[in-house]
Amino acid sequence: MRRGAVSSRGRTPEAQGMSVCVCFNLRRATRAITQLYDEAFRPAGMRATQLAILGPLRAFGPVTITRLAEATVTDRTTLSRNLRLLQRKGLVSMRPGTDRREHQVAVTERGRSALRKASPRWERVQGGIVRELGKPRVRRLLSDLSAVVEAARCC
């Protein structure tokens, strides 16, 4: 079929390919979920991307940027840029680590307060997703997503 032609199902071959593309579909799902959580966090002055850094950082305690990047599967340069934004807002602190090339990062009291303010909103959205999909499906989804991360690391 020539490029731009429409199949009997009414979709181009490119569109059909997108329907099975893991990257496209994960990014599509991520955008939808991020928009949902961002809307819920807006009154708390928070974004889902910020919570995705602050939550694990609070759990780890002071940690190197490299370790946090590995744990969150985030490019170190992107994470450093986002941490600088959080630092300007007073939500995280950064200090030199034992190795001068490395920095330790930690959640500040202001960051912990922001997390406490966002927590009920997270619980509301998370609960809605769990109710909509059902607990068994959410457990499978989380397990499958962990498997996807592992598969991506070894390919």
Protein backbone atom coordinates (compact mmCIF):
# COMPACT_ATOMS: atom_id res chain seq x y z
CA MET A 1 0.00 0.00 0.00
CA ARG A 2 1.42 3.42 -0.89
CA ARG A 3 2.31 5.98 1.79
CA GLY A 4 -0.76 7.89 2.93
CA ALA A 5 -3.12 5.30 1.49
CA VAL A 6 -5.99 4.19 3.69
CA SER A 7 -6.57 0.52 4.45
CA SER A 8 -9.93 -1.21 4.47
CA ARG A 9 -10.12 -0.44 8.17
CA GLY A 10 -9.79 3.26 7.44
CA ARG A 11 -6.29 3.63 8.90
CA THR A 12 -3.00 4.24 7.17
CA PRO A 13 -0.24 1.66 7.66
CA GLU A 14 1.59 4.25 9.77
CA ALA A 15 -1.43 4.61 12.07
CA GLN A 16 -1.74 0.85 12.31
CA GLY A 17 1.94 0.68 13.28
CA MET A 18 1.41 3.26 16.01
CA SER A 19 -1.35 1.16 17.53
CA VAL A 20 1.21 -1.55 18.35
CA CYS A 21 4.20 0.70 19.07
CA VAL A 22 5.15 0.29 22.74
CA CYS A 23 6.84 3.69 22.92
CA PHE A 24 3.95 5.59 21.34
CA ASN A 25 1.35 3.93 23.56
CA LEU A 26 3.34 4.31 26.79
CA ARG A 27 3.96 7.99 26.04
CA ARG A 28 0.27 8.47 25.20
CA ALA A 29 -0.77 6.85 28.50
CA THR A 30 1.84 8.86 30.38
CA ARG A 31 0.57 12.13 28.93
CA ALA A 32 -3.03 11.30 29.88
CA ILE A 33 -2.07 10.33 33.45
CA THR A 34 0.27 13.30 33.84
CA GLN A 35 -2.50 15.69 32.78
CA LEU A 36 -4.89 14.09 35.29
CA TYR A 37 -2.42 14.34 38.19
CA ASP A 38 -1.25 17.84 37.19
CA GLU A 39 -4.84 19.07 37.33
CA ALA A 40 -5.29 17.53 40.78
CA PHE A 41 -2.00 18.99 42.09
CA ARG A 42 -2.53 22.49 40.68
CA PRO A 43 -4.22 23.82 43.89
CA ALA A 44 -1.24 22.47 45.88
CA GLY A 45 1.18 24.35 43.60
CA MET A 46 2.71 21.08 42.46
CA ARG A 47 3.12 19.15 39.22
CA ALA A 48 3.25 15.39 38.70
CA THR A 49 6.83 15.66 37.46
CA GLN A 50 7.84 17.40 40.69
CA LEU A 51 6.09 14.79 42.81
CA ALA A 52 7.87 12.07 40.80
CA ILE A 53 11.16 13.52 42.06
CA LEU A 54 10.18 14.64 45.57
CA GLY A 55 8.44 11.37 46.53
CA PRO A 56 11.39 9.05 45.83
CA LEU A 57 13.81 11.64 47.20
CA ARG A 58 11.90 11.76 50.49
CA ALA A 59 11.98 7.94 50.64
CA PHE A 60 15.74 7.77 49.98
CA GLY A 61 16.75 10.62 52.23
CA PRO A 62 19.86 12.51 51.14
CA VAL A 63 21.10 10.80 47.99
CA THR A 64 23.40 11.52 45.09
CA ILE A 65 21.92 12.86 41.89
CA THR A 66 23.32 9.83 40.05
CA ARG A 67 21.57 7.39 42.40
CA LEU A 68 18.28 9.33 42.15
CA ALA A 69 18.56 9.38 38.34
CA GLU A 70 19.05 5.60 38.30
CA ALA A 71 16.14 4.99 40.66
CA THR A 72 13.74 7.22 38.73
CA VAL A 73 15.05 6.19 35.29
CA THR A 74 15.71 9.82 34.48
CA ASP A 75 18.50 11.24 32.36
CA ARG A 76 21.00 12.79 34.81
CA THR A 77 21.10 16.10 32.90
CA THR A 78 17.29 16.38 32.87
CA LEU A 79 17.12 15.47 36.56
CA SER A 80 19.78 18.06 37.45
CA ARG A 81 17.83 20.76 35.59
CA ASN A 82 14.59 19.79 37.40
CA LEU A 83 16.36 19.67 40.75
CA ARG A 84 17.69 23.20 40.21
CA LEU A 85 14.09 24.36 39.63
CA LEU A 86 12.98 22.59 42.83
CA GLN A 87 15.92 24.13 44.67
CA ARG A 88 14.90 27.64 43.54
CA LYS A 89 11.42 26.94 44.95
CA GLY A 90 13.04 25.87 48.22
CA LEU A 91 11.73 22.31 47.93
CA VAL A 92 15.13 20.57 47.81
CA SER A 93 18.63 21.32 49.01
CA MET A 94 21.83 20.36 47.23
CA ARG A 95 25.31 20.19 48.65
CA PRO A 96 28.61 18.74 47.50
CA GLY A 97 29.00 15.03 48.20
CA THR A 98 32.06 13.19 49.42
CA ASP A 99 33.32 13.14 45.84
CA ARG A 100 33.59 16.72 44.55
CA ARG A 101 32.10 15.66 41.21
CA GLU A 102 28.92 14.49 42.92
CA HIS A 103 26.14 16.32 44.76
CA GLN A 104 23.84 15.15 47.52
CA VAL A 105 20.22 16.21 47.25
CA ALA A 106 17.54 16.14 49.96
CA VAL A 107 13.95 17.29 50.46
CA THR A 108 13.67 20.44 52.59
CA GLU A 109 11.00 21.08 55.20
CA ARG A 110 9.22 23.23 52.62
CA GLY A 111 9.37 20.26 50.20
CA ARG A 112 7.96 17.91 52.84
CA SER A 113 5.17 20.41 53.47
CA ALA A 114 4.40 20.54 49.73
CA LEU A 115 4.28 16.73 49.66
CA ARG A 116 1.88 16.69 52.62
CA LYS A 117 -0.35 19.21 50.84
CA ALA A 118 -0.31 17.18 47.61
CA SER A 119 -0.83 13.82 49.34
CA PRO A 120 -4.65 13.94 49.70
CA ARG A 121 -4.94 15.03 46.08
CA TRP A 122 -2.70 12.14 45.01
CA GLU A 123 -4.81 9.72 47.08
CA ARG A 124 -8.00 11.00 45.45
CA VAL A 125 -6.67 10.60 41.89
CA GLN A 126 -4.92 7.31 42.64
CA GLY A 127 -8.10 5.97 44.25
CA GLY A 128 -10.12 6.96 41.20
CA ILE A 129 -7.74 5.14 38.86
CA VAL A 130 -7.81 2.04 41.09
CA ARG A 131 -11.62 2.11 41.24
CA GLU A 132 -11.85 2.52 37.47
CA LEU A 133 -9.38 -0.25 36.60
CA GLY A 134 -9.79 -2.50 39.64
CA LYS A 135 -7.07 -3.55 42.09
CA PRO A 136 -6.05 -6.76 40.25
CA ARG A 137 -5.63 -4.87 36.97
CA VAL A 138 -3.62 -2.09 38.65
CA ARG A 139 -1.34 -4.70 40.27
CA ARG A 140 -0.81 -6.32 36.83
CA LEU A 141 -0.23 -2.93 35.24
CA LEU A 142 2.41 -1.96 37.80
CA SER A 143 4.08 -5.35 37.43
CA ASP A 144 4.01 -5.05 33.64
CA LEU A 145 5.44 -1.53 33.78
CA SER A 146 8.31 -2.75 35.98
CA ALA A 147 8.95 -5.50 33.43
CA VAL A 148 8.97 -2.90 30.64
CA VAL A 149 11.61 -0.88 32.51
CA GLU A 150 13.76 -3.99 32.94
CA ALA A 151 13.30 -4.96 29.27
CA ALA A 152 14.32 -1.47 28.17
CA ARG A 153 17.49 -1.68 30.27
CA CYS A 154 18.66 -4.88 28.63
CA CYS A 155 17.80 -4.17 24.97
